[in-house]
Amino acid sequence: MITGNDLINLGYKPGKWFREAIDVANQHQLSGVNLLAYLETVRPTTIEPHAQPVSYYKNIKPESVEEIANVESVFETMDELMKTPTIVGGAVMPDACPTGGVGQIPVGGVVIAKNAIHPAMHSADICCSVMMTNLGMISPKSVLDAAHSITHFGGGGRSEYSDVPRELQEKIESNRFLSSERSISFASSHLGTQGDGNHFLFVGISKNTGETMMVTHHGSRGFGANLYSQGMKLAEVFRKQISPKTQEKNAWIPFDTDEGKAYWDALQIVREWTKLNHETIHTAAAEKLRKDPFDRFWNEHNFVFKSGDLFYHAKGATPLDDQFVPDSKDGLRLIPLNMSEPVLIVKGQTTPSNLGFAPHGAGRNISRGRHKKNLAHKTIEQIFQEETHGLDIRFFSNHIDISELPSAYKNAAMVQRQMKEFGLGEVLDEIMPYGCIMAGDWEIDAPWKIKARERYESRKAEEGAGE
C-alpha cells in the first residue's frame, strides 16, 4: 500500500495532487519504475518567471523634471512586473505612478494575464469606480448641500442604508469567499459610505448643456477589502506550489480551478454591490432634492476584466472597450482629474497600444508624505485658500487633507494632452467644477487617536503635579 510518506521519500513535495495519485497508484498496484513514470506525468511542474520582461506599451512621456523621475520609476517597476510568467501584455497610461515596491503594478497600469487572476493587481480597493447623475437645471450648491447631508466619509459603516436586495444577498451567501459573517456584515453596514483617501463626491456643471451633475468616486469598502485579503492568501498557496520564484505580490489564482472560478464569481458580486453603493448615494441625494435624474452612468477603473482566457488587470485605468463594461451606456466613460478641474466624459476605441483602456485621472508624481513636507513652510489654511479659491470644497471630517488638494496631483493639462497624443479616448463633454466633498484627515478624531491624546495630556499633567 503506497502512502504519502512513500511519495515524500521519493522526493515529491506534498500537495493536493497526492490524494488522487496515491489512489491511482494503489488501484493499479504500481511500483518501481512504473510508479515513478506515472508520478512524473501527474506531479505539478513549477513555472519559472520570464527571463526578460514581456514588452508593454508606454502611453506616457515626461514633460517636466519631476515627471522624469516618476516615469523612470514606472518603467522600472513595469519591467520587473512583466517577468511574471502568466503575463502576455501590458500598458501604462499618462497618469501612471508607482505604488509599493519594484515589480508591483503601478497606478495607471494595465496587465494582461493568461488564465490567471492576480489579486494584488486589483488591490484591496476592488472595483474603485465613478458614477454620474444628471440632475438637470438646478443650483449646484443645493445639490452639494443635499449630498453632504446624506453621504458618509471616513472609517466604519452606518445603518441608514443597510438593506441589501434579497437577490444580491443570496449571491453573497452562496459564494465561498463572501459568505462569512464578517463579509455579510460589511455588505450591509458599508452601503451608502464612501471611505477616505482620494474618494470624493463632486458637483459640477456640464460645459455642453449647463445642467448640474453629481459624480461619486469610491470602491467596495470593507466588503471588497475582505475578499482581497482572502485572494492574496489563496494566491500565495498557489504560488508556493506552482511558481515559487515569482514575487509574492504577483502571485495568482489559476482560473481553471474551482477556487479560481469561485473567486471570479466573487469579483462580479463585489462589482454589483459597488454599483449599488453608488446608486444608494445618488438616489438618496435625488430624493432629498425631489428631483428625477435625467441620466446616469458609471464605470469602474480598478478591476479585472475577462476576454476569453485573458484577464485584463487595470490598476487605475478606465476601460474604453464595451466588452469590459457590460452595463455601458452609449460607450460613455468618466475620467476625473482633481477637485479644481473638470470631470471628463469620454468615449474611445480599442487600439493595439491602448489595449482598450484610458487614464483614470491625474495620478501623482510624489507620495502624500513628500507632498506635505514640500509645503511645510505654509499653514494648512493658507494652502487650502490658495488651491480652492472660487470652489466649494468640504472635508467631511472638518479636517483639511492637503494631500488631496490639486497640487498633490499631476498636471491635468498634461494628462489630457497625452490622452490625445496616444489615442486614449475623445472628450465629449466636461463637468466643470463647482465643489466637492472628501473625507479629509478623519483619523485625527479616530477613537484611538483621541485616547492617545488623552493619555499624553494625563501623563503631562501628572509630571507637572510632581514638580
Protein backbone atom coordinates (compact mmCIF):
# COMPACT_ATOMS: atom_id res chain seq x y z
CA MET A 1 0.00 0.00 0.00
CA ILE A 2 1.51 3.32 -1.14
CA THR A 3 1.17 6.26 1.24
CA GLY A 4 2.00 9.93 1.20
CA ASN A 5 5.23 9.20 3.09
CA ASP A 6 6.33 6.93 0.23
CA LEU A 7 5.92 9.81 -2.22
CA ILE A 8 7.78 12.17 0.10
CA ASN A 9 10.63 9.64 0.40
CA LEU A 10 10.79 9.60 -3.39
CA GLY A 11 11.44 13.35 -3.29
CA TYR A 12 7.97 14.72 -4.10
CA LYS A 13 6.50 17.72 -2.28
CA PRO A 14 3.12 17.17 -0.61
CA GLY A 15 0.17 18.84 -2.29
CA LYS A 16 -3.43 18.42 -3.37
CA TRP A 17 -2.31 16.09 -6.15
CA PHE A 18 -1.11 13.46 -3.65
CA ARG A 19 -4.56 12.04 -2.91
CA GLU A 20 -5.52 11.21 -6.50
CA ALA A 21 -2.02 9.98 -7.35
CA ILE A 22 -1.99 7.61 -4.36
CA ASP A 23 -5.46 6.27 -5.23
CA VAL A 24 -4.44 5.56 -8.84
CA ALA A 25 -1.11 4.01 -7.84
CA ASN A 26 -2.77 1.67 -5.34
CA GLN A 27 -5.63 0.83 -7.68
CA HIS A 28 -3.19 -0.25 -10.41
CA GLN A 29 -0.62 -1.63 -7.96
CA LEU A 30 2.14 0.50 -9.41
CA SER A 31 5.68 0.18 -8.08
CA GLY A 32 9.29 0.78 -9.03
CA VAL A 33 9.88 2.25 -12.48
CA ASN A 34 6.18 2.14 -13.37
CA LEU A 35 5.28 4.16 -10.26
CA LEU A 36 7.95 6.77 -10.97
CA ALA A 37 6.88 7.05 -14.61
CA TYR A 38 3.28 7.65 -13.55
CA LEU A 39 4.17 10.17 -10.86
CA GLU A 40 6.22 12.18 -13.35
CA THR A 41 3.14 12.56 -15.54
CA VAL A 42 0.92 13.92 -12.76
CA ARG A 43 3.25 15.84 -10.46
CA PRO A 44 2.87 19.63 -10.53
CA THR A 45 5.51 21.37 -12.59
CA THR A 46 6.81 24.73 -11.42
CA ILE A 47 6.57 27.73 -13.72
CA GLU A 48 9.60 29.99 -13.99
CA PRO A 49 9.34 33.78 -14.39
CA HIS A 50 10.22 35.12 -17.83
CA ALA A 51 13.95 35.72 -18.22
CA GLN A 52 13.16 39.05 -19.91
CA PRO A 53 10.12 41.27 -19.40
CA VAL A 54 7.24 40.91 -21.83
CA SER A 55 7.01 44.09 -23.90
CA TYR A 56 4.34 46.65 -23.00
CA TYR A 57 3.02 49.91 -24.44
CA LYS A 58 4.23 53.17 -22.95
CA ASN A 59 1.43 55.70 -23.35
CA ILE A 60 3.28 58.25 -21.26
CA LYS A 61 6.20 60.65 -21.58
CA PRO A 62 7.76 63.08 -19.09
CA GLU A 63 7.15 66.79 -19.60
CA SER A 64 8.96 68.11 -16.51
CA VAL A 65 11.96 67.32 -14.32
CA GLU A 66 9.69 65.92 -11.60
CA GLU A 67 7.89 63.78 -14.16
CA ILE A 68 11.16 62.28 -15.43
CA ALA A 69 11.81 60.57 -12.09
CA ASN A 70 8.21 59.36 -11.91
CA VAL A 71 8.23 57.87 -15.41
CA GLU A 72 11.56 56.15 -14.81
CA SER A 73 10.13 54.58 -11.65
CA VAL A 74 7.02 53.44 -13.52
CA PHE A 75 9.12 51.77 -16.22
CA GLU A 76 11.40 50.18 -13.63
CA THR A 77 8.51 48.55 -11.78
CA MET A 78 6.77 47.52 -15.02
CA ASP A 79 9.95 45.91 -16.36
CA GLU A 80 10.10 43.68 -13.27
CA LEU A 81 6.36 43.05 -13.20
CA MET A 82 6.31 41.91 -16.83
CA LYS A 83 8.57 38.96 -15.94
CA THR A 84 5.64 37.32 -14.14
CA PRO A 85 5.07 34.04 -16.04
CA THR A 86 1.32 34.45 -16.64
CA ILE A 87 1.68 37.84 -18.30
CA VAL A 88 1.34 38.25 -22.06
CA GLY A 89 0.94 42.02 -22.48
CA GLY A 90 0.50 45.37 -20.79
CA ALA A 91 0.39 49.15 -21.00
CA VAL A 92 0.85 52.26 -18.87
CA MET A 93 -1.27 55.40 -19.06
CA PRO A 94 -0.26 59.10 -18.80
CA ASP A 95 -1.41 59.25 -15.17
CA ALA A 96 0.83 56.33 -14.14
CA CYS A 97 2.73 56.42 -10.86
CA PRO A 98 4.41 53.65 -8.87
CA THR A 99 2.87 52.19 -5.73
CA GLY A 100 4.62 49.79 -3.40
CA GLY A 101 7.92 48.12 -4.25
CA VAL A 102 9.57 47.45 -7.60
CA GLY A 103 7.63 44.83 -9.52
CA GLN A 104 4.20 45.85 -8.22
CA ILE A 105 1.65 47.07 -10.76
CA PRO A 106 1.65 50.88 -10.83
CA VAL A 107 -1.41 53.07 -10.68
CA GLY A 108 -2.27 53.71 -14.32
CA GLY A 109 -1.10 50.22 -15.31
CA VAL A 110 -2.85 47.55 -17.38
CA VAL A 111 -1.56 43.98 -17.35
CA ILE A 112 -2.91 41.03 -19.37
CA ALA A 113 -2.52 37.60 -17.76
CA LYS A 114 -3.45 34.27 -19.33
CA ASN A 115 -5.82 32.09 -17.31
CA ALA A 116 -4.84 33.84 -14.08
CA ILE A 117 -6.28 36.35 -11.60
CA HIS A 118 -3.68 38.35 -9.65
CA PRO A 119 -5.34 39.83 -6.51
CA ALA A 120 -2.56 42.36 -5.91
CA MET A 121 -3.21 43.77 -9.37
CA HIS A 122 -6.78 44.74 -8.48
CA SER A 123 -5.69 45.70 -4.93
CA ALA A 124 -7.80 46.00 -1.77
CA ASP A 125 -9.99 48.73 -3.28
CA ILE A 126 -11.72 46.30 -5.63
CA CYS A 127 -13.93 47.99 -8.21
CA CYS A 128 -12.97 51.54 -7.34
CA SER A 129 -15.29 53.37 -9.71
CA VAL A 130 -17.14 56.55 -10.66
CA MET A 131 -20.83 57.26 -11.24
CA MET A 132 -22.52 60.37 -12.69
CA THR A 133 -26.12 61.52 -12.25
CA ASN A 134 -27.51 64.42 -14.30
CA LEU A 135 -29.95 66.39 -12.11
CA GLY A 136 -30.87 68.95 -14.74
CA MET A 137 -31.12 72.71 -14.34
CA ILE A 138 -30.70 73.05 -10.59
CA SER A 139 -28.39 75.03 -8.31
CA PRO A 140 -25.12 73.14 -7.79
CA LYS A 141 -24.98 74.41 -4.20
CA SER A 142 -28.34 72.82 -3.42
CA VAL A 143 -27.05 69.53 -4.84
CA LEU A 144 -23.84 69.65 -2.82
CA ASP A 145 -25.77 70.55 0.34
CA ALA A 146 -28.21 67.69 -0.18
CA ALA A 147 -25.42 65.24 -0.95
CA HIS A 148 -23.46 66.36 2.11
CA SER A 149 -26.46 65.62 4.31
CA ILE A 150 -26.88 62.02 3.11
CA THR A 151 -23.38 60.72 2.32
CA HIS A 152 -20.74 59.36 4.70
CA PHE A 153 -16.93 59.50 4.55
CA GLY A 154 -14.30 58.12 6.88
CA GLY A 155 -13.91 54.85 8.73
CA GLY A 156 -16.59 52.31 9.60
CA GLY A 157 -20.13 51.93 8.37
CA ARG A 158 -23.65 53.02 9.27
CA SER A 159 -27.20 51.67 9.37
CA GLU A 160 -29.21 54.17 7.28
CA TYR A 161 -28.96 52.22 4.00
CA SER A 162 -28.21 48.70 5.21
CA ASP A 163 -30.85 46.73 3.29
CA VAL A 164 -29.09 44.61 0.66
CA PRO A 165 -31.59 43.38 -2.00
CA ARG A 166 -32.56 39.74 -1.45
CA GLU A 167 -31.22 38.53 -4.81
CA LEU A 168 -27.80 40.07 -4.16
CA GLN A 169 -27.84 38.81 -0.57
CA GLU A 170 -28.36 35.26 -1.85
CA LYS A 171 -25.43 35.59 -4.22
CA ILE A 172 -23.23 36.76 -1.35
CA GLU A 173 -24.32 33.96 0.95
CA SER A 174 -23.73 31.28 -1.70
CA ASN A 175 -20.17 32.30 -2.59
CA ARG A 176 -17.40 30.59 -0.61
CA PHE A 177 -15.36 33.82 -0.37
CA LEU A 178 -18.21 36.13 0.64
CA SER A 179 -20.44 34.06 2.91
CA SER A 180 -18.65 34.71 6.22
CA GLU A 181 -20.37 36.71 8.93
CA ARG A 182 -17.69 39.39 8.56
CA SER A 183 -18.26 39.77 4.82
CA ILE A 184 -22.05 39.85 5.15
CA SER A 185 -21.75 42.50 7.86
CA PHE A 186 -19.59 44.69 5.60
CA ALA A 187 -22.07 44.29 2.72
CA SER A 188 -24.80 45.67 4.94
CA SER A 189 -23.11 48.32 7.10
CA HIS A 190 -20.91 49.87 4.39
CA LEU A 191 -23.74 50.62 1.96
CA GLY A 192 -24.04 54.36 1.44
CA THR A 193 -20.47 55.05 2.56
CA GLN A 194 -17.52 56.35 0.55
CA GLY A 195 -14.40 55.69 2.62
CA ASP A 196 -11.40 58.01 2.60
CA GLY A 197 -8.23 58.78 0.63
CA ASN A 198 -8.91 60.12 -2.86
CA HIS A 199 -12.60 59.18 -2.87
CA PHE A 200 -14.97 62.08 -3.39
CA LEU A 201 -18.43 63.44 -4.14
CA PHE A 202 -18.14 66.08 -6.88
CA VAL A 203 -20.76 68.51 -8.18
CA GLY A 204 -20.31 70.46 -11.39
CA ILE A 205 -21.94 71.96 -14.47
CA SER A 206 -21.96 70.37 -17.93
CA LYS A 207 -19.94 72.52 -20.32
CA ASN A 208 -22.25 71.47 -23.15
CA THR A 209 -25.68 71.86 -21.56
CA GLY A 210 -25.37 73.83 -18.30
CA GLU A 211 -27.03 71.01 -16.36
CA THR A 212 -25.86 70.13 -12.85
CA MET A 213 -24.20 66.76 -12.46
CA MET A 214 -23.10 64.80 -9.40
CA VAL A 215 -20.16 62.37 -9.56
CA THR A 216 -19.14 59.90 -6.85
CA HIS A 217 -15.80 58.10 -6.63
CA HIS A 218 -15.27 55.14 -4.31
CA GLY A 219 -14.83 51.37 -4.28
CA SER A 220 -16.21 48.35 -2.46
CA ARG A 221 -15.11 49.37 1.04
CA GLY A 222 -14.65 46.60 3.63
CA PHE A 223 -16.72 44.18 1.57
CA GLY A 224 -14.13 44.18 -1.24
CA ALA A 225 -11.13 44.51 1.05
CA ASN A 226 -12.16 41.32 2.84
CA LEU A 227 -12.26 39.45 -0.49
CA TYR A 228 -8.85 40.85 -1.45
CA SER A 229 -7.34 39.59 1.81
CA GLN A 230 -8.60 36.07 1.11
CA GLY A 231 -7.46 36.27 -2.50
CA MET A 232 -3.90 37.18 -1.55
CA LYS A 233 -3.68 34.27 0.89
CA LEU A 234 -5.03 31.81 -1.67
CA ALA A 235 -2.75 33.14 -4.42
CA GLU A 236 0.25 32.65 -2.14
CA VAL A 237 -0.70 28.99 -1.63
CA PHE A 238 -0.73 28.51 -5.40
CA ARG A 239 2.50 30.48 -5.83
CA LYS A 240 4.40 28.22 -3.47
CA GLN A 241 3.17 25.17 -5.36
CA ILE A 242 3.48 26.24 -8.99
CA SER A 243 5.81 29.26 -9.21
CA PRO A 244 7.88 29.81 -6.05
CA LYS A 245 10.31 32.14 -7.85
CA THR A 246 7.52 34.58 -8.72
CA GLN A 247 7.37 37.60 -6.40
CA GLU A 248 4.80 37.18 -3.63
CA LYS A 249 3.00 40.38 -4.65
CA ASN A 250 2.46 38.91 -8.14
CA ALA A 251 1.03 35.57 -7.01
CA TRP A 252 -2.04 34.41 -8.88
CA ILE A 253 -5.12 32.19 -8.68
CA PRO A 254 -5.42 29.90 -11.73
CA PHE A 255 -8.83 30.47 -13.27
CA ASP A 256 -9.20 26.84 -14.35
CA THR A 257 -9.51 25.70 -10.73
CA ASP A 258 -12.64 25.56 -8.58
CA GLU A 259 -11.10 28.28 -6.43
CA GLY A 260 -10.39 30.45 -9.46
CA LYS A 261 -13.94 30.26 -10.77
CA ALA A 262 -15.40 30.99 -7.33
CA TYR A 263 -13.06 33.96 -6.92
CA TRP A 264 -14.05 35.31 -10.34
CA ASP A 265 -17.73 35.00 -9.36
CA ALA A 266 -16.95 36.81 -6.10
CA LEU A 267 -15.40 39.69 -8.05
CA GLN A 268 -18.60 40.05 -10.11
CA ILE A 269 -20.70 40.11 -6.93
CA VAL A 270 -18.44 42.80 -5.45
CA ARG A 271 -18.88 44.77 -8.67
CA GLU A 272 -22.67 44.53 -8.37
CA TRP A 273 -22.51 45.64 -4.72
CA THR A 274 -20.25 48.59 -5.55
CA LYS A 275 -22.62 49.82 -8.24
CA LEU A 276 -25.45 49.57 -5.70
CA ASN A 277 -23.36 51.56 -3.23
CA HIS A 278 -23.04 54.41 -5.75
CA GLU A 279 -26.73 54.21 -6.64
CA THR A 280 -27.71 54.33 -2.96
CA ILE A 281 -25.97 57.70 -2.52
CA HIS A 282 -27.20 59.14 -5.82
CA THR A 283 -30.79 58.07 -5.22
CA ALA A 284 -30.80 59.44 -1.68
CA ALA A 285 -29.50 62.81 -2.89
CA ALA A 286 -32.07 62.98 -5.70
CA GLU A 287 -34.89 62.14 -3.28
CA LYS A 288 -33.66 64.82 -0.88
CA LEU A 289 -33.86 67.32 -3.75
CA ARG A 290 -37.15 65.87 -5.03
CA LYS A 291 -35.57 65.55 -8.45
CA ASP A 292 -35.80 62.75 -11.00
CA PRO A 293 -32.38 62.11 -12.59
CA PHE A 294 -32.13 62.91 -16.30
CA ASP A 295 -29.32 60.47 -16.89
CA ARG A 296 -26.91 58.20 -15.04
CA PHE A 297 -23.95 56.00 -15.93
CA TRP A 298 -20.86 54.59 -14.30
CA ASN A 299 -17.62 52.70 -14.87
CA GLU A 300 -15.00 51.07 -12.73
CA HIS A 301 -11.28 51.80 -13.15
CA ASN A 302 -9.78 49.36 -10.67
CA PHE A 303 -10.81 45.83 -11.59
CA VAL A 304 -10.14 42.65 -13.58
CA PHE A 305 -11.78 42.24 -16.98
CA LYS A 306 -12.09 38.93 -18.87
CA SER A 307 -11.86 38.26 -22.60
CA GLY A 308 -11.66 34.55 -23.38
CA ASP A 309 -8.80 33.14 -21.33
CA LEU A 310 -7.16 36.58 -20.97
CA PHE A 311 -7.60 38.62 -17.80
CA TYR A 312 -7.01 42.37 -18.09
CA HIS A 313 -5.93 43.76 -14.72
CA ALA A 314 -6.50 47.52 -14.57
CA LYS A 315 -4.97 49.25 -11.58
CA GLY A 316 -6.34 52.75 -12.07
CA ALA A 317 -7.19 52.59 -15.79
CA THR A 318 -10.55 53.33 -17.40
CA PRO A 319 -11.97 50.60 -19.68
CA LEU A 320 -12.94 52.07 -23.05
CA ASP A 321 -13.96 48.80 -24.68
CA ASP A 322 -17.64 47.97 -24.20
CA GLN A 323 -16.85 44.28 -23.71
CA PHE A 324 -15.33 45.25 -20.35
CA VAL A 325 -18.37 47.27 -19.21
CA PRO A 326 -21.45 45.07 -19.78
CA ASP A 327 -23.80 47.77 -18.43
CA SER A 328 -22.22 50.51 -20.55
CA LYS A 329 -24.38 53.45 -21.62
CA ASP A 330 -23.54 54.53 -25.17
CA GLY A 331 -19.86 53.79 -24.53
CA LEU A 332 -19.52 56.82 -22.23
CA ARG A 333 -16.88 56.85 -19.50
CA LEU A 334 -15.88 59.21 -16.69
CA ILE A 335 -12.33 60.41 -16.02
CA PRO A 336 -11.90 62.74 -13.01
CA LEU A 337 -8.73 64.85 -12.73
CA ASN A 338 -8.65 66.83 -9.47
CA MET A 339 -11.13 68.91 -7.46
CA SER A 340 -10.29 72.11 -9.37
CA GLU A 341 -10.51 70.50 -12.81
CA PRO A 342 -13.45 69.12 -14.80
CA VAL A 343 -14.56 65.51 -14.79
CA LEU A 344 -14.17 64.37 -18.40
CA ILE A 345 -16.91 62.46 -20.22
CA VAL A 346 -15.11 60.42 -22.85
CA LYS A 347 -15.61 57.72 -25.45
CA GLY A 348 -12.93 55.79 -27.28
CA GLN A 349 -11.90 52.92 -29.48
CA THR A 350 -9.64 49.99 -28.66
CA THR A 351 -6.23 50.17 -30.34
CA PRO A 352 -3.19 47.88 -30.21
CA SER A 353 -1.41 50.35 -27.93
CA ASN A 354 -4.20 51.29 -25.51
CA LEU A 355 -5.49 47.69 -25.10
CA GLY A 356 -8.99 49.13 -24.68
CA PHE A 357 -8.15 51.47 -21.79
CA ALA A 358 -7.63 55.15 -20.93
CA PRO A 359 -6.29 57.02 -17.87
CA HIS A 360 -8.41 57.07 -14.71
CA GLY A 361 -7.40 60.54 -13.51
CA ALA A 362 -4.41 62.74 -12.89
CA GLY A 363 -2.22 60.44 -10.77
CA ARG A 364 0.64 61.60 -8.54
CA ASN A 365 4.31 62.34 -9.10
CA ILE A 366 5.26 62.18 -5.42
CA SER A 367 3.91 60.50 -2.31
CA ARG A 368 1.42 62.09 0.08
CA GLY A 369 4.09 62.38 2.76
CA ARG A 370 6.59 64.08 0.49
CA HIS A 371 3.96 66.49 -0.78
CA LYS A 372 3.17 67.54 2.79
CA LYS A 373 6.87 68.06 3.52
CA ASN A 374 7.25 70.19 0.40
CA LEU A 375 4.52 72.52 1.70
CA ALA A 376 5.62 72.55 5.34
CA HIS A 377 6.61 76.24 5.10
CA LYS A 378 2.92 77.18 4.74
CA THR A 379 -0.02 76.70 7.07
CA ILE A 380 -2.73 74.22 6.14
CA GLU A 381 -5.30 77.04 5.97
CA GLN A 382 -3.06 79.08 3.67
CA ILE A 383 -2.58 76.15 1.28
CA PHE A 384 -6.30 75.44 1.30
CA GLN A 385 -7.25 79.03 0.46
CA GLU A 386 -4.69 79.25 -2.35
CA GLU A 387 -5.71 76.00 -4.03
CA THR A 388 -9.50 76.04 -3.65
CA HIS A 389 -10.27 79.69 -4.39
CA GLY A 390 -13.67 80.01 -6.04
CA LEU A 391 -14.68 76.42 -5.24
CA ASP A 392 -16.95 74.97 -2.56
CA ILE A 393 -14.58 72.37 -1.10
CA ARG A 394 -15.64 70.48 2.01
CA PHE A 395 -13.95 67.85 4.15
CA PHE A 396 -16.47 65.57 5.82
CA SER A 397 -14.33 65.24 8.97
CA ASN A 398 -13.82 69.03 9.13
CA HIS A 399 -10.06 68.43 8.95
CA ILE A 400 -8.31 69.54 5.74
CA ASP A 401 -6.19 66.93 3.97
CA ILE A 402 -3.66 68.86 1.87
CA SER A 403 -2.52 65.62 0.18
CA GLU A 404 -5.83 65.69 -1.73
CA LEU A 405 -5.60 69.29 -2.93
CA PRO A 406 -4.85 69.96 -6.63
CA SER A 407 -1.08 70.48 -6.24
CA ALA A 408 -0.75 66.90 -4.94
CA TYR A 409 -1.65 65.57 -8.38
CA LYS A 410 -0.10 65.53 -11.83
CA ASN A 411 -0.72 68.40 -14.19
CA ALA A 412 -4.22 67.81 -15.57
CA ALA A 413 -3.50 69.59 -18.87
CA MET A 414 -0.54 67.26 -19.45
CA VAL A 415 -2.72 64.18 -18.91
CA GLN A 416 -5.27 65.48 -21.41
CA ARG A 417 -2.57 66.32 -23.98
CA GLN A 418 -1.18 62.82 -23.77
CA MET A 419 -4.64 61.26 -23.93
CA LYS A 420 -5.00 62.93 -27.32
CA GLU A 421 -1.44 62.12 -28.45
CA PHE A 422 -1.68 58.42 -27.58
CA GLY A 423 -5.29 57.89 -28.69
CA LEU A 424 -6.76 57.31 -25.25
CA GLY A 425 -10.34 58.45 -25.72
CA GLU A 426 -12.13 61.51 -27.09
CA VAL A 427 -13.53 64.11 -24.68
CA LEU A 428 -17.24 64.65 -25.45
CA ASP A 429 -18.14 66.89 -22.51
CA GLU A 430 -16.60 68.35 -19.36
CA ILE A 431 -18.30 68.65 -15.98
CA MET A 432 -16.93 71.97 -14.79
CA PRO A 433 -16.23 72.03 -11.04
CA TYR A 434 -18.48 73.77 -8.53
CA GLY A 435 -17.31 71.90 -5.44
CA CYS A 436 -16.72 68.55 -3.81
CA ILE A 437 -16.69 66.64 -0.54
CA MET A 438 -13.84 64.39 0.62
CA ALA A 439 -13.14 62.56 3.86
CA GLY A 440 -10.29 64.82 4.98
CA ASP A 441 -7.97 63.81 7.79
CA TRP A 442 -10.67 61.89 9.66
CA GLU A 443 -8.19 59.87 11.71
CA ILE A 444 -7.45 62.95 13.84
CA ASP A 445 -10.73 62.24 15.60
CA ALA A 446 -10.46 58.45 15.42
CA PRO A 447 -11.08 56.83 18.84
CA TRP A 448 -7.52 55.51 19.09
CA LYS A 449 -6.09 58.96 18.34
CA ILE A 450 -8.32 60.61 20.94
CA LYS A 451 -7.33 58.05 23.56
CA ALA A 452 -3.64 58.57 22.74
CA ARG A 453 -4.01 62.35 23.17
CA GLU A 454 -5.87 61.86 26.45
CA ARG A 455 -3.12 59.57 27.75
CA TYR A 456 -0.47 62.10 26.71
CA GLU A 457 -2.28 65.01 28.39
CA SER A 458 -2.83 62.94 31.55
CA ARG A 459 0.85 61.99 31.70
CA LYS A 460 1.95 65.59 31.21
CA ALA A 461 -0.45 66.71 33.97
CA GLU A 462 0.95 64.10 36.35
CA GLU A 463 4.51 65.13 35.55
CA GLY A 464 3.60 68.80 36.21
CA ALA A 465 1.95 67.96 39.52
CA GLY A 466 5.06 66.13 40.68
CA GLU A 467 7.40 69.09 40.13
